[in-house]
PDB file of N, CA and C in Angstrom:
ATOM      1  N   MET A   1     109.650  75.158 167.186  1.00  0.00           N
ATOM      2  CA  MET A   1     110.630  74.402 166.101  1.00  0.00           C
ATOM      3  C   MET A   1     109.925  73.637 164.971  1.00  0.00           C
ATOM      4  N   GLY A   2     108.420  73.679 165.583  1.00  0.00           N
ATOM      5  CA  GLY A   2     107.394  72.725 164.372  1.00  0.00           C
ATOM      6  C   GLY A   2     107.116  73.382 163.096  1.00  0.00           C
ATOM      7  N   GLU A   3     107.701  74.365 162.568  1.00  0.00           N
ATOM      8  CA  GLU A   3     107.533  75.275 161.381  1.00  0.00           C
ATOM      9  C   GLU A   3     107.788  74.441 160.252  1.00  0.00           C
ATOM     10  N   SER A   4     106.741  74.392 159.304  1.00  0.00           N
ATOM     11  CA  SER A   4     106.948  73.625 158.196  1.00  0.00           C
ATOM     12  C   SER A   4     107.443  74.411 156.995  1.00  0.00           C
ATOM     13  N   VAL A   5     107.859  73.499 156.241  1.00  0.00           N
ATOM     14  CA  VAL A   5     108.224  74.357 154.867  1.00  0.00           C
ATOM     15  C   VAL A   5     107.242  74.391 153.904  1.00  0.00           C
ATOM     16  N   PRO A   6     106.911  75.599 153.386  1.00  0.00           N
ATOM     17  CA  PRO A   6     105.629  75.361 152.292  1.00  0.00           C
ATOM     18  C   PRO A   6     106.373  74.778 150.975  1.00  0.00           C
ATOM     19  N   ALA A   7     105.470  73.820 150.615  1.00  0.00           N
ATOM     20  CA  ALA A   7     105.644  73.064 149.699  1.00  0.00           C
ATOM     21  C   ALA A   7     105.722  73.588 148.087  1.00  0.00           C
ATOM     22  N   ALA A   8     106.642  73.448 147.785  1.00  0.00           N
ATOM     23  CA  ALA A   8     106.732  74.170 146.155  1.00  0.00           C
ATOM     24  C   ALA A   8     105.910  74.080 145.259  1.00  0.00           C
ATOM     25  N   ALA A   9     105.268  74.741 144.420  1.00  0.00           N
ATOM     26  CA  ALA A   9     104.602  74.433 143.378  1.00  0.00           C
ATOM     27  C   ALA A   9     104.852  73.347 142.516  1.00  0.00           C
ATOM     28  N   PRO A  10     104.076  72.659 141.954  1.00  0.00           N
ATOM     29  CA  PRO A  10     104.735  71.216 141.273  1.00  0.00           C
ATOM     30  C   PRO A  10     104.935  71.905 139.788  1.00  0.00           C
ATOM     31  N   ALA A  11     106.245  71.171 139.679  1.00  0.00           N
ATOM     32  CA  ALA A  11     106.802  71.934 138.021  1.00  0.00           C
ATOM     33  C   ALA A  11     106.139  71.355 137.046  1.00  0.00           C
ATOM     34  N   LEU A  12     106.150  71.894 135.796  1.00  0.00           N
ATOM     35  CA  LEU A  12     105.478  71.819 134.784  1.00  0.00           C
ATOM     36  C   LEU A  12     106.433  70.406 133.980  1.00  0.00           C
ATOM     37  N   PRO A  13     105.383  69.473 133.554  1.00  0.00           N
ATOM     38  CA  PRO A  13     105.914  68.307 133.098  1.00  0.00           C
ATOM     39  C   PRO A  13     106.896  68.794 132.022  1.00  0.00           C
ATOM     40  N   VAL A  14     108.037  68.017 131.142  1.00  0.00           N
ATOM     41  CA  VAL A  14     108.912  68.613 130.342  1.00  0.00           C
ATOM     42  C   VAL A  14     108.039  68.659 128.943  1.00  0.00           C
ATOM     43  N   ALA A  15     106.957  67.612 128.751  1.00  0.00           N
ATOM     44  CA  ALA A  15     106.058  68.024 127.397  1.00  0.00           C
ATOM     45  C   ALA A  15     105.310  69.238 127.387  1.00  0.00           C
ATOM     46  N   GLU A  16     104.859  69.408 128.661  1.00  0.00           N
ATOM     47  CA  GLU A  16     103.956  71.131 128.692  1.00  0.00           C
ATOM     48  C   GLU A  16     104.972  71.899 128.268  1.00  0.00           C
ATOM     49  N   ALA A  17     106.036  72.089 129.376  1.00  0.00           N
ATOM     50  CA  ALA A  17     107.162  73.488 128.638  1.00  0.00           C
ATOM     51  C   ALA A  17     107.423  73.346 127.371  1.00  0.00           C
ATOM     52  N   VAL A  18     107.654  72.192 127.019  1.00  0.00           N
ATOM     53  CA  VAL A  18     108.140  72.229 125.159  1.00  0.00           C
ATOM     54  C   VAL A  18     106.855  72.937 124.520  1.00  0.00           C
ATOM     55  N   ILE A  19     105.922  72.003 124.688  1.00  0.00           N
ATOM     56  CA  ILE A  19     104.471  72.785 124.138  1.00  0.00           C
ATOM     57  C   ILE A  19     104.211  74.134 123.969  1.00  0.00           C
ATOM     58  N   ALA A  20     104.573  74.465 125.611  1.00  0.00           N
ATOM     59  CA  ALA A  20     104.295  76.195 125.811  1.00  0.00           C
ATOM     60  C   ALA A  20     105.484  77.098 124.805  1.00  0.00           C
ATOM     61  N   THR A  21     106.621  76.624 124.942  1.00  0.00           N
ATOM     62  CA  THR A  21     107.677  77.264 124.610  1.00  0.00           C
ATOM     63  C   THR A  21     107.523  77.122 123.128  1.00  0.00           C
ATOM     64  N   VAL A  22     106.847  76.322 122.127  1.00  0.00           N
ATOM     65  CA  VAL A  22     106.914  76.196 121.043  1.00  0.00           C
ATOM     66  C   VAL A  22     105.680  77.386 121.014  1.00  0.00           C
ATOM     67  N   ILE A  23     104.367  77.476 121.341  1.00  0.00           N
ATOM     68  CA  ILE A  23     103.355  78.195 121.180  1.00  0.00           C
ATOM     69  C   ILE A  23     103.904  79.640 121.312  1.00  0.00           C
ATOM     70  N   VAL A  24     104.914  80.017 122.052  1.00  0.00           N
ATOM     71  CA  VAL A  24     105.422  81.182 122.483  1.00  0.00           C
ATOM     72  C   VAL A  24     105.984  81.910 121.246  1.00  0.00           C
ATOM     73  N   LEU A  25     107.018  81.052 120.761  1.00  0.00           N
ATOM     74  CA  LEU A  25     108.025  81.020 119.471  1.00  0.00           C
ATOM     75  C   LEU A  25     106.791  81.301 118.507  1.00  0.00           C
ATOM     76  N   VAL A  26     106.122  80.623 118.159  1.00  0.00           N
ATOM     77  CA  VAL A  26     105.097  80.467 116.730  1.00  0.00           C
ATOM     78  C   VAL A  26     104.376  81.779 116.996  1.00  0.00           C
ATOM     79  N   LEU A  27     103.682  82.114 118.112  1.00  0.00           N
ATOM     80  CA  LEU A  27     103.032  83.682 117.872  1.00  0.00           C
ATOM     81  C   LEU A  27     104.293  84.926 118.212  1.00  0.00           C
ATOM     82  N   LEU A  28     105.303  84.661 118.749  1.00  0.00           N
ATOM     83  CA  LEU A  28     106.240  85.807 118.414  1.00  0.00           C
ATOM     84  C   LEU A  28     106.954  85.838 116.972  1.00  0.00           C
ATOM     85  N   GLY A  29     107.239  84.607 116.017  1.00  0.00           N
ATOM     86  CA  GLY A  29     107.135  84.795 114.996  1.00  0.00           C
ATOM     87  C   GLY A  29     106.146  85.215 113.659  1.00  0.00           C
ATOM     88  N   ALA A  30     104.932  84.964 114.018  1.00  0.00           N
ATOM     89  CA  ALA A  30     103.672  85.461 113.503  1.00  0.00           C
ATOM     90  C   ALA A  30     103.581  87.182 113.619  1.00  0.00           C
ATOM     91  N   THR A  31     103.914  87.473 114.566  1.00  0.00           N
ATOM     92  CA  THR A  31     104.171  88.866 115.191  1.00  0.00           C
ATOM     93  C   THR A  31     105.100  89.571 114.372  1.00  0.00           C
ATOM     94  N   LEU A  32     105.910  89.113 114.350  1.00  0.00           N
ATOM     95  CA  LEU A  32     107.433  89.784 113.361  1.00  0.00           C
ATOM     96  C   LEU A  32     106.627  89.731 112.096  1.00  0.00           C
ATOM     97  N   TRP A  33     106.496  88.570 111.287  1.00  0.00           N
ATOM     98  CA  TRP A  33     105.698  88.587 110.185  1.00  0.00           C
ATOM     99  C   TRP A  33     104.885  89.605 109.586  1.00  0.00           C
ATOM    100  N   LEU A  34     103.897  89.365 110.561  1.00  0.00           N
ATOM    101  CA  LEU A  34     102.645  90.560 110.114  1.00  0.00           C
ATOM    102  C   LEU A  34     103.331  92.199 110.246  1.00  0.00           C
ATOM    103  N   LEU A  35     104.411  92.189 111.632  1.00  0.00           N
ATOM    104  CA  LEU A  35     104.889  93.691 111.469  1.00  0.00           C
ATOM    105  C   LEU A  35     105.827  94.108 110.111  1.00  0.00           C
ATOM    106  N   ARG A  36     106.526  93.341 109.796  1.00  0.00           N
ATOM    107  CA  ARG A  36     107.199  93.361 108.829  1.00  0.00           C
ATOM    108  C   ARG A  36     106.485  93.482 107.173  1.00  0.00           C
ATOM    109  N   ARG A  37     105.275  92.588 107.040  1.00  0.00           N
ATOM    110  CA  ARG A  37     104.392  92.786 105.931  1.00  0.00           C
ATOM    111  C   ARG A  37     103.777  94.124 106.079  1.00  0.00           C
ATOM    112  N   GLY A  38     103.379  94.744 107.218  1.00  0.00           N
ATOM    113  CA  GLY A  38     102.021  95.742 107.518  1.00  0.00           C
ATOM    114  C   GLY A  38     103.671  96.759 107.109  1.00  0.00           C
ATOM    115  N   LEU A  39     104.820  96.786 107.459  1.00  0.00           N
ATOM    116  CA  LEU A  39     105.790  98.273 107.015  1.00  0.00           C
ATOM    117  C   LEU A  39     106.110  98.330 105.458  1.00  0.00           C
ATOM    118  N   HIS A  40     105.576  97.198 104.525  1.00  0.00           N
ATOM    119  CA  HIS A  40     106.216  97.140 103.310  1.00  0.00           C
ATOM    120  C   HIS A  40     104.748  97.668 102.450  1.00  0.00           C
ATOM    121  N   ARG A  41     103.959  97.951 102.930  1.00  0.00           N
ATOM    122  CA  ARG A  41     102.911  98.462 102.015  1.00  0.00           C
ATOM    123  C   ARG A  41     103.049  99.435 101.382  1.00  0.00           C
ATOM    124  N   PRO A  42     102.126  99.565 100.008  1.00  0.00           N
ATOM    125  CA  PRO A  42     102.262 100.336  99.052  1.00  0.00           C
ATOM    126  C   PRO A  42     101.447 102.044  99.703  1.00  0.00           C
ATOM    127  N   ALA A  43     102.007 102.871  99.192  1.00  0.00           N
ATOM    128  CA  ALA A  43     101.369 104.316  99.904  1.00  0.00           C
ATOM    129  C   ALA A  43      99.976 104.127  99.467  1.00  0.00           C
ATOM    130  N   ALA A  44      99.436 105.143 100.239  1.00  0.00           N
ATOM    131  CA  ALA A  44      97.969 104.878  99.980  1.00  0.00           C
ATOM    132  C   ALA A  44      97.647 105.000  98.568  1.00  0.00           C
ATOM    133  N   GLY A  45      96.333 104.416  98.220  1.00  0.00           N
ATOM    134  CA  GLY A  45      96.005 104.388  96.974  1.00  0.00           C
ATOM    135  C   GLY A  45      96.779 103.354  96.104  1.00  0.00           C
ATOM    136  N   GLY A  46      98.074 102.986  96.626  1.00  0.00           N
ATOM    137  CA  GLY A  46      99.219 102.374  95.730  1.00  0.00           C
ATOM    138  C   GLY A  46      99.972 103.603  94.448  1.00  0.00           C
ATOM    139  N   ALA A  47      99.999 104.570  95.260  1.00  0.00           N
ATOM    140  CA  ALA A  47     100.675 105.668  94.562  1.00  0.00           C
ATOM    141  C   ALA A  47     102.089 105.551  94.326  1.00  0.00           C
ATOM    142  N   THR A  48     102.774 105.564  93.513  1.00  0.00           N
ATOM    143  CA  THR A  48     104.060 105.359  92.967  1.00  0.00           C
ATOM    144  C   THR A  48     104.521 106.581  93.198  1.00  0.00           C
ATOM    145  N   MET A  49     105.836 106.593  93.566  1.00  0.00           N
ATOM    146  CA  MET A  49     106.690 108.294  93.472  1.00  0.00           C
ATOM    147  C   MET A  49     107.849 108.199  93.433  1.00  0.00           C
ATOM    148  N   SER A  50     108.804 108.892  92.745  1.00  0.00           N
ATOM    149  CA  SER A  50     110.498 108.989  92.608  1.00  0.00           C
ATOM    150  C   SER A  50     110.848 110.139  92.331  1.00  0.00           C
ATOM    151  N   VAL A  51     112.278 110.212  92.520  1.00  0.00           N
ATOM    152  CA  VAL A  51     112.405 111.730  92.555  1.00  0.00           C
ATOM    153  C   VAL A  51     113.395 111.314  91.192  1.00  0.00           C
ATOM    154  N   GLU A  52     113.218 112.245  90.000  1.00  0.00           N
ATOM    155  CA  GLU A  52     113.827 112.019  88.588  1.00  0.00           C
ATOM    156  C   GLU A  52     115.443 112.791  88.702  1.00  0.00           C
ATOM    157  N   THR A  53     115.448 113.879  89.168  1.00  0.00           N
ATOM    158  CA  THR A  53     116.144 114.641  89.427  1.00  0.00           C
ATOM    159  C   THR A  53     116.289 115.764  90.384  1.00  0.00           C
ATOM    160  N   SER A  54     117.415 116.300  90.755  1.00  0.00           N
ATOM    161  CA  SER A  54     117.612 117.629  91.655  1.00  0.00           C
ATOM    162  C   SER A  54     118.634 118.452  91.160  1.00  0.00           C
ATOM    163  N   LEU A  55     118.521 119.690  91.502  1.00  0.00           N
ATOM    164  CA  LEU A  55     119.410 120.478  91.207  1.00  0.00           C
ATOM    165  C   LEU A  55     119.654 121.725  92.543  1.00  0.00           C
ATOM    166  N   SER A  56     120.669 121.651  93.044  1.00  0.00           N
ATOM    167  CA  SER A  56     121.080 122.575  94.281  1.00  0.00           C
ATOM    168  C   SER A  56     120.965 124.078  93.931  1.00  0.00           C
ATOM    169  N   LEU A  57     120.313 124.949  94.293  1.00  0.00           N
ATOM    170  CA  LEU A  57     120.462 126.374  94.066  1.00  0.00           C
ATOM    171  C   LEU A  57     121.084 127.089  95.118  1.00  0.00           C
ATOM    172  N   GLY A  58     122.173 126.259  96.205  1.00  0.00           N
ATOM    173  CA  GLY A  58     122.703 126.678  97.543  1.00  0.00           C
ATOM    174  C   GLY A  58     121.863 127.244  98.344  1.00  0.00           C
ATOM    175  N   GLU A  59     122.298 127.315  99.598  1.00  0.00           N
ATOM    176  CA  GLU A  59     121.779 127.816 100.739  1.00  0.00           C
ATOM    177  C   GLU A  59     120.419 127.056 100.936  1.00  0.00           C
ATOM    178  N   ARG A  60     120.416 125.866 101.016  1.00  0.00           N
ATOM    179  CA  ARG A  60     119.624 125.114 101.422  1.00  0.00           C
ATOM    180  C   ARG A  60     118.051 125.237 100.565  1.00  0.00           C
ATOM    181  N   ARG A  61     118.427 125.761  99.400  1.00  0.00           N
ATOM    182  CA  ARG A  61     117.345 125.681  98.027  1.00  0.00           C
ATOM    183  C   ARG A  61     117.774 124.665  97.177  1.00  0.00           C
ATOM    184  N   SER A  62     116.515 124.029  96.464  1.00  0.00           N
ATOM    185  CA  SER A  62     116.754 123.262  95.316  1.00  0.00           C
ATOM    186  C   SER A  62     115.567 123.064  94.751  1.00  0.00           C
ATOM    187  N   LEU A  63     115.686 122.670  93.310  1.00  0.00           N
ATOM    188  CA  LEU A  63     114.560 122.326  92.610  1.00  0.00           C
ATOM    189  C   LEU A  63     114.785 120.411  92.249  1.00  0.00           C
ATOM    190  N   LEU A  64     113.114 120.453  92.442  1.00  0.00           N
ATOM    191  CA  LEU A  64     113.297 118.562  92.277  1.00  0.00           C
ATOM    192  C   LEU A  64     112.360 118.392  91.152  1.00  0.00           C
ATOM    193  N   ILE A  65     112.671 117.343  90.351  1.00  0.00           N
ATOM    194  CA  ILE A  65     111.561 116.654  89.383  1.00  0.00           C
ATOM    195  C   ILE A  65     111.458 115.338  89.853  1.00  0.00           C
ATOM    196  N   VAL A  66     109.861 115.406  90.075  1.00  0.00           N
ATOM    197  CA  VAL A  66     109.498 114.259  90.705  1.00  0.00           C
ATOM    198  C   VAL A  66     107.947 113.739  89.767  1.00  0.00           C
ATOM    199  N   SER A  67     108.484 112.321  89.946  1.00  0.00           N
ATOM    200  CA  SER A  67     107.150 111.583  88.982  1.00  0.00           C
ATOM    201  C   SER A  67     106.312 110.730  90.504  1.00  0.00           C
ATOM    202  N   VAL A  68     104.648 111.188  90.317  1.00  0.00           N
ATOM    203  CA  VAL A  68     103.686 110.793  91.245  1.00  0.00           C
ATOM    204  C   VAL A  68     102.760 110.336  90.209  1.00  0.00           C
ATOM    205  N   ASP A  69     102.607 108.933  90.411  1.00  0.00           N
ATOM    206  CA  ASP A  69     101.041 108.594  89.336  1.00  0.00           C
ATOM    207  C   ASP A  69     100.990 108.709  88.041  1.00  0.00           C
ATOM    208  N   GLY A  70     102.356 109.109  87.380  1.00  0.00           N
ATOM    209  CA  GLY A  70     102.423 109.060  85.803  1.00  0.00           C
ATOM    210  C   GLY A  70     102.562 110.793  85.611  1.00  0.00           C
ATOM    211  N   ARG A  71     102.359 111.752  86.810  1.00  0.00           N
ATOM    212  CA  ARG A  71     102.737 112.848  86.555  1.00  0.00           C
ATOM    213  C   ARG A  71     104.089 113.657  87.046  1.00  0.00           C
ATOM    214  N   ARG A  72     104.658 114.682  86.205  1.00  0.00           N
ATOM    215  CA  ARG A  72     106.140 114.520  86.489  1.00  0.00           C
ATOM    216  C   ARG A  72     106.008 116.399  87.119  1.00  0.00           C
ATOM    217  N   LEU A  73     106.127 116.621  88.469  1.00  0.00           N
ATOM    218  CA  LEU A  73     106.264 117.715  88.872  1.00  0.00           C
ATOM    219  C   LEU A  73     107.309 118.486  89.289  1.00  0.00           C
ATOM    220  N   LEU A  74     107.841 119.598  88.973  1.00  0.00           N
ATOM    221  CA  LEU A  74     109.056 120.717  89.258  1.00  0.00           C
ATOM    222  C   LEU A  74     108.577 121.243  90.561  1.00  0.00           C
ATOM    223  N   LEU A  75     109.124 120.842  91.526  1.00  0.00           N
ATOM    224  CA  LEU A  75     109.217 121.237  92.856  1.00  0.00           C
ATOM    225  C   LEU A  75     110.287 122.077  93.652  1.00  0.00           C
ATOM    226  N   GLY A  76     109.826 123.282  94.211  1.00  0.00           N
ATOM    227  CA  GLY A  76     110.816 124.362  94.729  1.00  0.00           C
ATOM    228  C   GLY A  76     111.087 123.902  96.296  1.00  0.00           C
ATOM    229  N   LEU A  77     112.022 123.466  96.301  1.00  0.00           N
ATOM    230  CA  LEU A  77     112.671 123.332  98.034  1.00  0.00           C
ATOM    231  C   LEU A  77     112.940 124.444  98.730  1.00  0.00           C
ATOM    232  N   ALA A  78     112.609 125.066  99.991  1.00  0.00           N
ATOM    233  CA  ALA A  78     113.626 126.161 100.631  1.00  0.00           C
ATOM    234  C   ALA A  78     113.147 125.617 102.215  1.00  0.00           C
ATOM    235  N   PRO A  79     114.159 126.313 103.074  1.00  0.00           N
ATOM    236  CA  PRO A  79     113.699 125.723 104.391  1.00  0.00           C
ATOM    237  C   PRO A  79     112.351 126.123 104.824  1.00  0.00           C
ATOM    238  N   GLY A  80     111.658 125.122 105.347  1.00  0.00           N
ATOM    239  CA  GLY A  80     110.572 124.977 105.777  1.00  0.00           C
ATOM    240  C   GLY A  80     109.442 125.411 104.773  1.00  0.00           C
ATOM    241  N   GLN A  81     109.470 124.885 103.393  1.00  0.00           N
ATOM    242  CA  GLN A  81     108.667 125.227 102.019  1.00  0.00           C
ATOM    243  C   GLN A  81     108.951 124.261 101.186  1.00  0.00           C
ATOM    244  N   VAL A  82     107.899 123.611 100.462  1.00  0.00           N
ATOM    245  CA  VAL A  82     107.824 122.953  99.438  1.00  0.00           C
ATOM    246  C   VAL A  82     106.808 123.419  98.553  1.00  0.00           C
ATOM    247  N   ARG A  83     107.407 123.855  97.180  1.00  0.00           N
ATOM    248  CA  ARG A  83     106.312 124.186  96.251  1.00  0.00           C
ATOM    249  C   ARG A  83     106.024 124.029  95.094  1.00  0.00           C
ATOM    250  N   MET A  84     105.176 123.351  94.310  1.00  0.00           N
ATOM    251  CA  MET A  84     105.002 123.066  93.044  1.00  0.00           C
ATOM    252  C   MET A  84     105.294 124.238  92.263  1.00  0.00           C
ATOM    253  N   VAL A  85     106.283 124.172  91.255  1.00  0.00           N
ATOM    254  CA  VAL A  85     106.574 125.349  90.417  1.00  0.00           C
ATOM    255  C   VAL A  85     105.782 125.114  88.913  1.00  0.00           C
ATOM    256  N   THR A  86     105.662 123.957  88.424  1.00  0.00           N
ATOM    257  CA  THR A  86     105.009 123.778  87.604  1.00  0.00           C
ATOM    258  C   THR A  86     104.707 122.379  87.159  1.00  0.00           C
ATOM    259  N   GLU A  87     103.909 121.642  86.300  1.00  0.00           N
ATOM    260  CA  GLU A  87     103.609 120.123  86.120  1.00  0.00           C
ATOM    261  C   GLU A  87     104.225 120.186  84.683  1.00  0.00           C
ATOM    262  N   LEU A  88     105.061 119.087  84.177  1.00  0.00           N
ATOM    263  CA  LEU A  88     106.031 119.104  83.209  1.00  0.00           C
ATOM    264  C   LEU A  88     105.097 118.120  82.354  1.00  0.00           C
ATOM    265  N   GLY A  89     105.529 117.835  81.318  1.00  0.00           N
ATOM    266  CA  GLY A  89     104.881 116.974  80.452  1.00  0.00           C
ATOM    267  C   GLY A  89     105.954 115.563  80.413  1.00  0.00           C
ATOM    268  N   PRO A  90     105.529 114.739  79.979  1.00  0.00           N
ATOM    269  CA  PRO A  90     106.034 113.160  79.741  1.00  0.00           C
ATOM    270  C   PRO A  90     107.619 113.532  79.461  1.00  0.00           C
ATOM    271  N   ALA A  91     108.372 112.708  80.551  1.00  0.00           N
ATOM    272  CA  ALA A  91     109.979 112.132  79.908  1.00  0.00           C
ATOM    273  C   ALA A  91     110.384 112.552  78.579  1.00  0.00           C
ATOM    274  N   PRO A  92     111.350 113.492  78.734  1.00  0.00           N
ATOM    275  CA  PRO A  92     112.109 113.185  76.983  1.00  0.00           C
ATOM    276  C   PRO A  92     112.514 111.785  76.897  1.00  0.00           C
ATOM    277  N   ILE A  93     112.554 110.996  75.509  1.00  0.00           N
ATOM    278  CA  ILE A  93     113.112 110.073  75.437  1.00  0.00           C
ATOM    279  C   ILE A  93     114.525 110.131  74.853  1.00  0.00           C
ATOM    280  N   ARG A  94     115.412 109.584  75.808  1.00  0.00           N
ATOM    281  CA  ARG A  94     116.954 109.966  75.410  1.00  0.00           C
ATOM    282  C   ARG A  94     117.265 108.976  74.408  1.00  0.00           C
ATOM    283  N   PRO A  95     118.631 109.250  73.812  1.00  0.00           N
ATOM    284  CA  PRO A  95     119.255 107.984  72.832  1.00  0.00           C
ATOM    285  C   PRO A  95     119.161 106.955  73.214  1.00  0.00           C
ATOM    286  N   GLY A  96     119.232 106.047  72.273  1.00  0.00           N
ATOM    287  CA  GLY A  96     119.238 104.414  73.248  1.00  0.00           C
ATOM    288  C   GLY A  96     118.092 103.630  73.851  1.00  0.00           C
ATOM    289  N   GLY A  97     117.027 104.620  73.816  1.00  0.00           N
ATOM    290  CA  GLY A  97     115.717 103.993  74.367  1.00  0.00           C
ATOM    291  C   GLY A  97     115.433 104.318  75.871  1.00  0.00           C
ATOM    292  N   VAL A  98     116.707 104.672  76.769  1.00  0.00           N
ATOM    293  CA  VAL A  98     116.372 105.026  77.897  1.00  0.00           C
ATOM    294  C   VAL A  98     115.711 106.168  78.221  1.00  0.00           C
ATOM    295  N   SER A  99     114.570 106.334  78.845  1.00  0.00           N
ATOM    296  CA  SER A  99     113.966 107.380  79.282  1.00  0.00           C
ATOM    297  C   SER A  99     114.531 107.924  80.905  1.00  0.00           C
TER     298      SER A  99
END
């Protein structure tokens, strides 16, 4: 019956616990900020791309006019395929100055 109870590890003082919590929260916030910033990088080389218009041809086939870095391309899409049909000239100017 002479068993002794092992002493518990000393608890961190309150100030050290608060500092440790603040450090963890700052590191977590910095990590999240870096991840969000990395997800919104422009495409390789700063390329810009937009779909100007699309036309469905039925049965999962369509034509798209895509603008990529100032070039306008007519693309044909089919199941498992994307083909460039032709390169188009500059966008026509519509009445009212909207292109």
